[in-house]
Full PDB file with SEQRES, HELIX, SHEET, SSBOND, CRYST1, ORIGX, SCALE, CONECT and MASTER records, all heavy atoms in Angstrom:
SEQRES   1 A   37  GLU GLY ASP GLU GLY LYS ILE ARG LEU GLY ASP ILE ILE          
SEQRES   2 A   37  CYS VAL ASP ALA LEU ALA LEU VAL ARG PHE GLY LEU ARG          
SEQRES   3 A   37  ALA ALA ASP ASP PRO HIS ILE LEU ASN THR VAL                  
HELIX    1 AA1 LEU A    9  ASP A   11  5                                   3    
HELIX    2 AA2 VAL A   15  LEU A   18  5                                   4    
HELIX    3 AA3 ALA A   19  ARG A   22  1                                   4    
HELIX    4 AA4 PRO A   31  THR A   36  1                                   6    
CRYST1    1.000    1.000    1.000  90.00  90.00  90.00 P 1           1          
ORIGX1      1.000000  0.000000  0.000000        0.00000                         
ORIGX2      0.000000  1.000000  0.000000        0.00000                         
ORIGX3      0.000000  0.000000  1.000000        0.00000                         
SCALE1      1.000000  0.000000  0.000000        0.00000                         
SCALE2      0.000000  1.000000  0.000000        0.00000                         
SCALE3      0.000000  0.000000  1.000000        0.00000                         
ATOM      1  N   GLU A   1      -2.636  13.593 -18.951  1.00  0.00           N  
ATOM      2  CA  GLU A   1      -2.863  13.738 -20.385  1.00  0.00           C  
ATOM      3  C   GLU A   1      -2.229  12.581 -21.136  1.00  0.00           C  
ATOM      4  O   GLU A   1      -1.090  12.190 -20.841  1.00  0.00           O  
ATOM      5  CB  GLU A   1      -2.294  15.061 -20.892  1.00  0.00           C  
ATOM      6  CG  GLU A   1      -3.072  16.286 -20.443  1.00  0.00           C  
ATOM      7  CD  GLU A   1      -2.561  17.557 -21.100  1.00  0.00           C  
ATOM      8  OE1 GLU A   1      -1.434  17.521 -21.650  1.00  0.00           O  
ATOM      9  OE2 GLU A   1      -3.264  18.576 -21.062  1.00  0.00           O  
ATOM     10  N   GLY A   2      -2.944  12.029 -22.101  1.00  0.00           N  
ATOM     11  CA  GLY A   2      -2.404  10.964 -22.935  1.00  0.00           C  
ATOM     12  C   GLY A   2      -1.907   9.789 -22.109  1.00  0.00           C  
ATOM     13  O   GLY A   2      -2.614   9.254 -21.256  1.00  0.00           O  
ATOM     14  N   ASP A   3      -0.657   9.404 -22.369  1.00  0.00           N  
ATOM     15  CA  ASP A   3      -0.050   8.279 -21.658  1.00  0.00           C  
ATOM     16  C   ASP A   3       0.849   8.715 -20.508  1.00  0.00           C  
ATOM     17  O   ASP A   3       1.649   7.924 -19.997  1.00  0.00           O  
ATOM     18  CB  ASP A   3       0.775   7.431 -22.648  1.00  0.00           C  
ATOM     19  CG  ASP A   3      -0.110   6.664 -23.621  1.00  0.00           C  
ATOM     20  OD1 ASP A   3      -1.278   6.391 -23.268  1.00  0.00           O  
ATOM     21  OD2 ASP A   3       0.371   6.342 -24.731  1.00  0.00           O  
ATOM     22  N   GLU A   4       0.719   9.979 -20.069  1.00  0.00           N  
ATOM     23  CA  GLU A   4       1.579  10.467 -18.992  1.00  0.00           C  
ATOM     24  C   GLU A   4       1.334   9.730 -17.677  1.00  0.00           C  
ATOM     25  O   GLU A   4       2.195   9.700 -16.796  1.00  0.00           O  
ATOM     26  CB  GLU A   4       1.378  11.969 -18.789  1.00  0.00           C  
ATOM     27  CG  GLU A   4       1.957  12.812 -19.924  1.00  0.00           C  
ATOM     28  CD  GLU A   4       1.741  14.299 -19.680  1.00  0.00           C  
ATOM     29  OE1 GLU A   4       1.202  14.651 -18.602  1.00  0.00           O  
ATOM     30  OE2 GLU A   4       2.105  15.101 -20.562  1.00  0.00           O  
ATOM     31  N   GLY A   5       0.149   9.133 -17.556  1.00  0.00           N  
ATOM     32  CA  GLY A   5      -0.165   8.415 -16.328  1.00  0.00           C  
ATOM     33  C   GLY A   5       0.227   6.948 -16.360  1.00  0.00           C  
ATOM     34  O   GLY A   5      -0.090   6.203 -15.434  1.00  0.00           O  
ATOM     35  N   LYS A   6       0.911   6.522 -17.397  1.00  0.00           N  
ATOM     36  CA  LYS A   6       1.254   5.113 -17.547  1.00  0.00           C  
ATOM     37  C   LYS A   6       2.303   4.708 -16.513  1.00  0.00           C  
ATOM     38  O   LYS A   6       3.339   5.347 -16.366  1.00  0.00           O  
ATOM     39  CB  LYS A   6       1.776   4.853 -18.959  1.00  0.00           C  
ATOM     40  CG  LYS A   6       1.795   3.388 -19.354  1.00  0.00           C  
ATOM     41  CD  LYS A   6       2.111   3.230 -20.843  1.00  0.00           C  
ATOM     42  CE  LYS A   6       2.076   1.775 -21.258  1.00  0.00           C  
ATOM     43  NZ  LYS A   6       2.363   1.611 -22.708  1.00  0.00           N  
ATOM     44  N   ILE A   7       2.033   3.598 -15.813  1.00  0.00           N  
ATOM     45  CA  ILE A   7       2.926   3.125 -14.764  1.00  0.00           C  
ATOM     46  C   ILE A   7       2.673   1.642 -14.513  1.00  0.00           C  
ATOM     47  O   ILE A   7       1.568   1.147 -14.715  1.00  0.00           O  
ATOM     48  CB  ILE A   7       2.697   3.938 -13.463  1.00  0.00           C  
ATOM     49  CG1 ILE A   7       3.719   3.551 -12.388  1.00  0.00           C  
ATOM     50  CG2 ILE A   7       1.283   3.797 -12.960  1.00  0.00           C  
ATOM     51  CD1 ILE A   7       3.646   4.429 -11.139  1.00  0.00           C  
ATOM     52  N   ARG A   8       3.703   0.923 -14.093  1.00  0.00           N  
ATOM     53  CA  ARG A   8       3.523  -0.492 -13.751  1.00  0.00           C  
ATOM     54  C   ARG A   8       2.754  -0.608 -12.434  1.00  0.00           C  
ATOM     55  O   ARG A   8       2.977   0.161 -11.502  1.00  0.00           O  
ATOM     56  CB  ARG A   8       4.874  -1.187 -13.635  1.00  0.00           C  
ATOM     57  CG  ARG A   8       5.590  -1.366 -14.969  1.00  0.00           C  
ATOM     58  CD  ARG A   8       6.890  -2.134 -14.821  1.00  0.00           C  
ATOM     59  NE  ARG A   8       7.830  -1.442 -13.932  1.00  0.00           N  
ATOM     60  CZ  ARG A   8       9.077  -1.829 -13.727  1.00  0.00           C  
ATOM     61  NH1 ARG A   8       9.548  -2.915 -14.319  1.00  0.00           N  
ATOM     62  NH2 ARG A   8       9.867  -1.149 -12.915  1.00  0.00           N  
ATOM     63  N   LEU A   9       1.880  -1.601 -12.372  1.00  0.00           N  
ATOM     64  CA  LEU A   9       1.056  -1.784 -11.174  1.00  0.00           C  
ATOM     65  C   LEU A   9       1.897  -1.947  -9.919  1.00  0.00           C  
ATOM     66  O   LEU A   9       1.577  -1.403  -8.863  1.00  0.00           O  
ATOM     67  CB  LEU A   9       0.144  -3.009 -11.347  1.00  0.00           C  
ATOM     68  CG  LEU A   9      -0.997  -2.860 -12.349  1.00  0.00           C  
ATOM     69  CD1 LEU A   9      -1.620  -4.222 -12.628  1.00  0.00           C  
ATOM     70  CD2 LEU A   9      -2.050  -1.903 -11.807  1.00  0.00           C  
ATOM     71  N   GLY A  10       2.968  -2.698 -10.025  1.00  0.00           N  
ATOM     72  CA  GLY A  10       3.808  -2.946  -8.862  1.00  0.00           C  
ATOM     73  C   GLY A  10       4.563  -1.737  -8.365  1.00  0.00           C  
ATOM     74  O   GLY A  10       5.119  -1.755  -7.258  1.00  0.00           O  
ATOM     75  N   ASP A  11       4.590  -0.673  -9.172  1.00  0.00           N  
ATOM     76  CA  ASP A  11       5.301   0.539  -8.776  1.00  0.00           C  
ATOM     77  C   ASP A  11       4.401   1.567  -8.100  1.00  0.00           C  
ATOM     78  O   ASP A  11       4.872   2.634  -7.704  1.00  0.00           O  
ATOM     79  CB  ASP A  11       5.956   1.190 -10.010  1.00  0.00           C  
ATOM     80  CG  ASP A  11       7.100   0.359 -10.564  1.00  0.00           C  
ATOM     81  OD1 ASP A  11       7.707  -0.399  -9.784  1.00  0.00           O  
ATOM     82  OD2 ASP A  11       7.371   0.451 -11.777  1.00  0.00           O  
ATOM     83  N   ILE A  12       3.108   1.269  -7.977  1.00  0.00           N  
ATOM     84  CA  ILE A  12       2.185   2.233  -7.375  1.00  0.00           C  
ATOM     85  C   ILE A  12       2.122   2.006  -5.867  1.00  0.00           C  
ATOM     86  O   ILE A  12       1.482   1.077  -5.386  1.00  0.00           O  
ATOM     87  CB  ILE A  12       0.772   2.139  -7.976  1.00  0.00           C  
ATOM     88  CG1 ILE A  12       0.812   2.131  -9.505  1.00  0.00           C  
ATOM     89  CG2 ILE A  12      -0.069   3.315  -7.485  1.00  0.00           C  
ATOM     90  CD1 ILE A  12      -0.535   1.984 -10.165  1.00  0.00           C  
ATOM     91  N   ILE A  13       2.804   2.871  -5.138  1.00  0.00           N  
ATOM     92  CA  ILE A  13       2.782   2.837  -3.677  1.00  0.00           C  
ATOM     93  C   ILE A  13       1.591   3.672  -3.209  1.00  0.00           C  
ATOM     94  O   ILE A  13       1.313   4.737  -3.768  1.00  0.00           O  
ATOM     95  CB  ILE A  13       4.074   3.431  -3.076  1.00  0.00           C  
ATOM     96  CG1 ILE A  13       5.310   2.918  -3.827  1.00  0.00           C  
ATOM     97  CG2 ILE A  13       4.159   3.155  -1.594  1.00  0.00           C  
ATOM     98  CD1 ILE A  13       5.480   1.436  -3.819  1.00  0.00           C  
ATOM     99  N   CYS A  14       0.878   3.210  -2.169  1.00  0.00           N  
ATOM    100  CA  CYS A  14      -0.307   3.923  -1.707  1.00  0.00           C  
ATOM    101  C   CYS A  14      -0.429   3.801  -0.194  1.00  0.00           C  
ATOM    102  O   CYS A  14      -0.035   2.781   0.386  1.00  0.00           O  
ATOM    103  CB  CYS A  14      -1.559   3.347  -2.393  1.00  0.00           C  
ATOM    104  SG  CYS A  14      -3.090   4.191  -1.974  1.00  0.00           S  
ATOM    105  N   VAL A  15      -1.001   4.809   0.424  1.00  0.00           N  
ATOM    106  CA  VAL A  15      -1.179   4.799   1.880  1.00  0.00           C  
ATOM    107  C   VAL A  15      -2.311   3.873   2.322  1.00  0.00           C  
ATOM    108  O   VAL A  15      -2.456   3.597   3.518  1.00  0.00           O  
ATOM    109  CB  VAL A  15      -1.477   6.226   2.398  1.00  0.00           C  
ATOM    110  CG1 VAL A  15      -0.299   7.149   2.174  1.00  0.00           C  
ATOM    111  CG2 VAL A  15      -2.743   6.789   1.748  1.00  0.00           C  
ATOM    112  N   ASP A  16      -3.110   3.372   1.397  1.00  0.00           N  
ATOM    113  CA  ASP A  16      -4.333   2.646   1.756  1.00  0.00           C  
ATOM    114  C   ASP A  16      -4.085   1.356   2.535  1.00  0.00           C  
ATOM    115  O   ASP A  16      -4.985   0.858   3.213  1.00  0.00           O  
ATOM    116  CB  ASP A  16      -5.137   2.324   0.498  1.00  0.00           C  
ATOM    117  CG  ASP A  16      -5.798   3.552  -0.099  1.00  0.00           C  
ATOM    118  OD1 ASP A  16      -5.496   4.667   0.383  1.00  0.00           O  
ATOM    119  OD2 ASP A  16      -6.599   3.417  -1.037  1.00  0.00           O  
ATOM    120  N   ALA A  17      -2.880   0.795   2.445  1.00  0.00           N  
ATOM    121  CA  ALA A  17      -2.588  -0.450   3.158  1.00  0.00           C  
ATOM    122  C   ALA A  17      -2.708  -0.288   4.672  1.00  0.00           C  
ATOM    123  O   ALA A  17      -2.919  -1.269   5.390  1.00  0.00           O  
ATOM    124  CB  ALA A  17      -1.195  -0.955   2.797  1.00  0.00           C  
ATOM    125  N   LEU A  18      -2.604   0.956   5.178  1.00  0.00           N  
ATOM    126  CA  LEU A  18      -2.755   1.175   6.614  1.00  0.00           C  
ATOM    127  C   LEU A  18      -4.153   0.786   7.093  1.00  0.00           C  
ATOM    128  O   LEU A  18      -4.358   0.526   8.286  1.00  0.00           O  
ATOM    129  CB  LEU A  18      -2.482   2.639   6.961  1.00  0.00           C  
ATOM    130  CG  LEU A  18      -1.058   3.154   6.717  1.00  0.00           C  
ATOM    131  CD1 LEU A  18      -0.927   4.584   7.198  1.00  0.00           C  
ATOM    132  CD2 LEU A  18      -0.027   2.269   7.415  1.00  0.00           C  
ATOM    133  N   ALA A  19      -5.118   0.716   6.174  1.00  0.00           N  
ATOM    134  CA  ALA A  19      -6.477   0.313   6.538  1.00  0.00           C  
ATOM    135  C   ALA A  19      -6.519  -1.130   7.034  1.00  0.00           C  
ATOM    136  O   ALA A  19      -7.421  -1.503   7.797  1.00  0.00           O  
ATOM    137  CB  ALA A  19      -7.419   0.479   5.346  1.00  0.00           C  
ATOM    138  N   LEU A  20      -5.573  -1.944   6.612  1.00  0.00           N  
ATOM    139  CA  LEU A  20      -5.521  -3.334   7.080  1.00  0.00           C  
ATOM    140  C   LEU A  20      -5.281  -3.398   8.588  1.00  0.00           C  
ATOM    141  O   LEU A  20      -5.752  -4.310   9.266  1.00  0.00           O  
ATOM    142  CB  LEU A  20      -4.434  -4.106   6.338  1.00  0.00           C  
ATOM    143  CG  LEU A  20      -4.587  -4.198   4.819  1.00  0.00           C  
ATOM    144  CD1 LEU A  20      -3.372  -4.877   4.198  1.00  0.00           C  
ATOM    145  CD2 LEU A  20      -5.868  -4.939   4.438  1.00  0.00           C  
ATOM    146  N   VAL A  21      -4.565  -2.390   9.103  1.00  0.00           N  
ATOM    147  CA  VAL A  21      -4.358  -2.278  10.548  1.00  0.00           C  
ATOM    148  C   VAL A  21      -5.540  -1.559  11.187  1.00  0.00           C  
ATOM    149  O   VAL A  21      -6.062  -1.974  12.224  1.00  0.00           O  
ATOM    150  CB  VAL A  21      -3.048  -1.538  10.854  1.00  0.00           C  
ATOM    151  CG1 VAL A  21      -2.871  -1.329  12.357  1.00  0.00           C  
ATOM    152  CG2 VAL A  21      -1.858  -2.299  10.277  1.00  0.00           C  
ATOM    153  N   ARG A  22      -5.986  -0.493  10.569  1.00  0.00           N  
ATOM    154  CA  ARG A  22      -7.084   0.314  11.117  1.00  0.00           C  
ATOM    155  C   ARG A  22      -8.333  -0.515  11.384  1.00  0.00           C  
ATOM    156  O   ARG A  22      -9.016  -0.346  12.393  1.00  0.00           O  
ATOM    157  CB  ARG A  22      -7.403   1.447  10.142  1.00  0.00           C  
ATOM    158  CG  ARG A  22      -8.436   2.452  10.655  1.00  0.00           C  
ATOM    159  CD  ARG A  22      -8.777   3.461   9.573  1.00  0.00           C  
ATOM    160  NE  ARG A  22      -9.661   4.507  10.064  1.00  0.00           N  
ATOM    161  CZ  ARG A  22      -9.348   5.778  10.186  1.00  0.00           C  
ATOM    162  NH1 ARG A  22      -8.128   6.173   9.865  1.00  0.00           N  
ATOM    163  NH2 ARG A  22     -10.227   6.667  10.621  1.00  0.00           N  
ATOM    164  N   PHE A  23      -8.644  -1.452  10.477  1.00  0.00           N  
ATOM    165  CA  PHE A  23      -9.847  -2.265  10.628  1.00  0.00           C  
ATOM    166  C   PHE A  23      -9.576  -3.599  11.324  1.00  0.00           C  
ATOM    167  O   PHE A  23     -10.478  -4.432  11.434  1.00  0.00           O  
ATOM    168  CB  PHE A  23     -10.495  -2.502   9.261  1.00  0.00           C  
ATOM    169  CG  PHE A  23     -11.172  -1.280   8.707  1.00  0.00           C  
ATOM    170  CD1 PHE A  23     -10.560  -0.513   7.719  1.00  0.00           C  
ATOM    171  CD2 PHE A  23     -12.413  -0.876   9.174  1.00  0.00           C  
ATOM    172  CE1 PHE A  23     -11.172   0.619   7.212  1.00  0.00           C  
ATOM    173  CE2 PHE A  23     -13.036   0.258   8.669  1.00  0.00           C  
ATOM    174  CZ  PHE A  23     -12.417   1.013   7.683  1.00  0.00           C  
ATOM    175  N   GLY A  24      -8.323  -3.807  11.785  1.00  0.00           N  
ATOM    176  CA  GLY A  24      -8.038  -4.950  12.627  1.00  0.00           C  
ATOM    177  C   GLY A  24      -7.704  -6.245  11.921  1.00  0.00           C  
ATOM    178  O   GLY A  24      -7.705  -7.310  12.543  1.00  0.00           O  
ATOM    179  N   LEU A  25      -7.361  -6.181  10.631  1.00  0.00           N  
ATOM    180  CA  LEU A  25      -7.041  -7.405   9.902  1.00  0.00           C  
ATOM    181  C   LEU A  25      -5.586  -7.832  10.060  1.00  0.00           C  
ATOM    182  O   LEU A  25      -5.269  -9.019   9.957  1.00  0.00           O  
ATOM    183  CB  LEU A  25      -7.356  -7.224   8.407  1.00  0.00           C  
ATOM    184  CG  LEU A  25      -8.807  -7.423   7.987  1.00  0.00           C  
ATOM    185  CD1 LEU A  25      -9.720  -6.367   8.617  1.00  0.00           C  
ATOM    186  CD2 LEU A  25      -8.934  -7.359   6.473  1.00  0.00           C  
ATOM    187  N   ARG A  26      -4.709  -6.862  10.272  1.00  0.00           N  
ATOM    188  CA  ARG A  26      -3.291  -7.140  10.441  1.00  0.00           C  
ATOM    189  C   ARG A  26      -2.774  -6.356  11.639  1.00  0.00           C  
ATOM    190  O   ARG A  26      -3.231  -5.250  11.915  1.00  0.00           O  
ATOM    191  CB  ARG A  26      -2.486  -6.759   9.179  1.00  0.00           C  
ATOM    192  CG  ARG A  26      -2.884  -7.499   7.912  1.00  0.00           C  
ATOM    193  CD  ARG A  26      -2.515  -8.958   7.963  1.00  0.00           C  
ATOM    194  NE  ARG A  26      -2.859  -9.661   6.728  1.00  0.00           N  
ATOM    195  CZ  ARG A  26      -4.039 -10.230   6.494  1.00  0.00           C  
ATOM    196  NH1 ARG A  26      -4.996 -10.171   7.407  1.00  0.00           N  
ATOM    197  NH2 ARG A  26      -4.266 -10.857   5.346  1.00  0.00           N  
ATOM    198  N   ALA A  27      -1.790  -6.938  12.320  1.00  0.00           N  
ATOM    199  CA  ALA A  27      -1.159  -6.252  13.446  1.00  0.00           C  
ATOM    200  C   ALA A  27      -0.281  -5.118  12.927  1.00  0.00           C  
ATOM    201  O   ALA A  27       0.243  -5.181  11.805  1.00  0.00           O  
ATOM    202  CB  ALA A  27      -0.327  -7.230  14.257  1.00  0.00           C  
ATOM    203  N   ALA A  28      -0.122  -4.097  13.740  1.00  0.00           N  
ATOM    204  CA  ALA A  28       0.711  -2.957  13.341  1.00  0.00           C  
ATOM    205  C   ALA A  28       2.151  -3.369  13.104  1.00  0.00           C  
ATOM    206  O   ALA A  28       2.870  -2.728  12.329  1.00  0.00           O  
ATOM    207  CB  ALA A  28       0.642  -1.863  14.402  1.00  0.00           C  
ATOM    208  N   ASP A  29       2.592  -4.441  13.776  1.00  0.00           N  
ATOM    209  CA  ASP A  29       3.979  -4.899  13.612  1.00  0.00           C  
ATOM    210  C   ASP A  29       4.093  -6.121  12.701  1.00  0.00           C  
ATOM    211  O   ASP A  29       5.127  -6.794  12.692  1.00  0.00           O  
ATOM    212  CB  ASP A  29       4.613  -5.207  14.967  1.00  0.00           C  
ATOM    213  CG  ASP A  29       3.872  -6.309  15.729  1.00  0.00           C  
ATOM    214  OD1 ASP A  29       2.812  -6.759  15.258  1.00  0.00           O  
ATOM    215  OD2 ASP A  29       4.361  -6.704  16.807  1.00  0.00           O  
ATOM    216  N   ASP A  30       3.048  -6.405  11.944  1.00  0.00           N  
ATOM    217  CA  ASP A  30       3.120  -7.472  10.947  1.00  0.00           C  
ATOM    218  C   ASP A  30       4.244  -7.122   9.955  1.00  0.00           C  
ATOM    219  O   ASP A  30       4.331  -5.979   9.486  1.00  0.00           O  
ATOM    220  CB  ASP A  30       1.779  -7.576  10.211  1.00  0.00           C  
ATOM    221  CG  ASP A  30       1.737  -8.696   9.189  1.00  0.00           C  
ATOM    222  OD1 ASP A  30       2.493  -8.616   8.187  1.00  0.00           O  
ATOM    223  OD2 ASP A  30       0.959  -9.642   9.353  1.00  0.00           O  
ATOM    224  N   PRO A  31       5.130  -8.061   9.631  1.00  0.00           N  
ATOM    225  CA  PRO A  31       6.255  -7.757   8.730  1.00  0.00           C  
ATOM    226  C   PRO A  31       5.817  -7.153   7.390  1.00  0.00           C  
ATOM    227  O   PRO A  31       6.493  -6.250   6.866  1.00  0.00           O  
ATOM    228  CB  PRO A  31       6.928  -9.122   8.535  1.00  0.00           C  
ATOM    229  CG  PRO A  31       6.601  -9.884   9.774  1.00  0.00           C  
ATOM    230  CD  PRO A  31       5.211  -9.449  10.161  1.00  0.00           C  
ATOM    231  N   HIS A  32       4.697  -7.637   6.836  1.00  0.00           N  
ATOM    232  CA  HIS A  32       4.214  -7.069   5.567  1.00  0.00           C  
ATOM    233  C   HIS A  32       3.822  -5.596   5.741  1.00  0.00           C  
ATOM    234  O   HIS A  32       4.058  -4.771   4.852  1.00  0.00           O  
ATOM    235  CB  HIS A  32       2.996  -7.851   5.063  1.00  0.00           C  
ATOM    236  CG  HIS A  32       3.298  -9.266   4.674  1.00  0.00           C  
ATOM    237  ND1 HIS A  32       2.952 -10.340   5.449  1.00  0.00           N  
ATOM    238  CD2 HIS A  32       3.922  -9.779   3.587  1.00  0.00           C  
ATOM    239  CE1 HIS A  32       3.332 -11.459   4.858  1.00  0.00           C  
ATOM    240  NE2 HIS A  32       3.935 -11.144   3.726  1.00  0.00           N  
ATOM    241  N   ILE A  33       3.225  -5.282   6.879  1.00  0.00           N  
ATOM    242  CA  ILE A  33       2.830  -3.907   7.158  1.00  0.00           C  
ATOM    243  C   ILE A  33       4.053  -3.033   7.382  1.00  0.00           C  
ATOM    244  O   ILE A  33       4.162  -1.923   6.831  1.00  0.00           O  
ATOM    245  CB  ILE A  33       1.898  -3.849   8.395  1.00  0.00           C  
ATOM    246  CG1 ILE A  33       0.555  -4.535   8.094  1.00  0.00           C  
ATOM    247  CG2 ILE A  33       1.683  -2.402   8.844  1.00  0.00           C  
ATOM    248  CD1 ILE A  33      -0.312  -3.838   7.078  1.00  0.00           C  
ATOM    249  N   LEU A  34       4.999  -3.501   8.192  1.00  0.00           N  
ATOM    250  CA  LEU A  34       6.204  -2.716   8.467  1.00  0.00           C  
ATOM    251  C   LEU A  34       6.970  -2.421   7.182  1.00  0.00           C  
ATOM    252  O   LEU A  34       7.485  -1.308   6.987  1.00  0.00           O  
ATOM    253  CB  LEU A  34       7.098  -3.457   9.466  1.00  0.00           C  
ATOM    254  CG  LEU A  34       6.542  -3.593  10.893  1.00  0.00           C  
ATOM    255  CD1 LEU A  34       7.496  -4.419  11.754  1.00  0.00           C  
ATOM    256  CD2 LEU A  34       6.315  -2.218  11.527  1.00  0.00           C  
ATOM    257  N   ASN A  35       7.061  -3.419   6.290  1.00  0.00           N  
ATOM    258  CA  ASN A  35       7.713  -3.196   4.992  1.00  0.00           C  
ATOM    259  C   ASN A  35       7.001  -2.104   4.206  1.00  0.00           C  
ATOM    260  O   ASN A  35       7.630  -1.219   3.614  1.00  0.00           O  
ATOM    261  CB  ASN A  35       7.713  -4.489   4.181  1.00  0.00           C  
ATOM    262  CG  ASN A  35       8.716  -5.508   4.698  1.00  0.00           C  
ATOM    263  OD1 ASN A  35       9.593  -5.191   5.487  1.00  0.00           O  
ATOM    264  ND2 ASN A  35       8.577  -6.746   4.247  1.00  0.00           N  
ATOM    265  N   THR A  36       5.674  -2.185   4.202  1.00  0.00           N  
ATOM    266  CA  THR A  36       4.891  -1.228   3.426  1.00  0.00           C  
ATOM    267  C   THR A  36       5.004   0.177   3.996  1.00  0.00           C  
ATOM    268  O   THR A  36       5.134   1.150   3.242  1.00  0.00           O  
ATOM    269  CB  THR A  36       3.412  -1.672   3.379  1.00  0.00           C  
ATOM    270  OG1 THR A  36       3.331  -3.006   2.876  1.00  0.00           O  
ATOM    271  CG2 THR A  36       2.596  -0.744   2.487  1.00  0.00           C  
ATOM    272  N   VAL A  37       4.978   0.304   5.319  1.00  0.00           N  
ATOM    273  CA  VAL A  37       5.129   1.618   5.953  1.00  0.00           C  
ATOM    274  C   VAL A  37       6.479   2.229   5.581  1.00  0.00           C  
ATOM    275  O   VAL A  37       6.574   3.434   5.305  1.00  0.00           O  
ATOM    276  CB  VAL A  37       4.986   1.495   7.486  1.00  0.00           C  
ATOM    277  CG1 VAL A  37       5.431   2.786   8.179  1.00  0.00           C  
ATOM    278  CG2 VAL A  37       3.542   1.178   7.861  1.00  0.00           C  
TER     279      VAL A  37                                                      
MASTER        0    0    0    4    0    0    0    6  278    1    0    3          
END                                                                             
């Protein structure tokens, strides 16, 4: 409701980054992936 959903873009954590591994673009042990997990 209203502005209750207001948030900085950089603060939105999401599980979707795991797709980078699922589809073979990044290794499961890629440092960027491990940080995100």
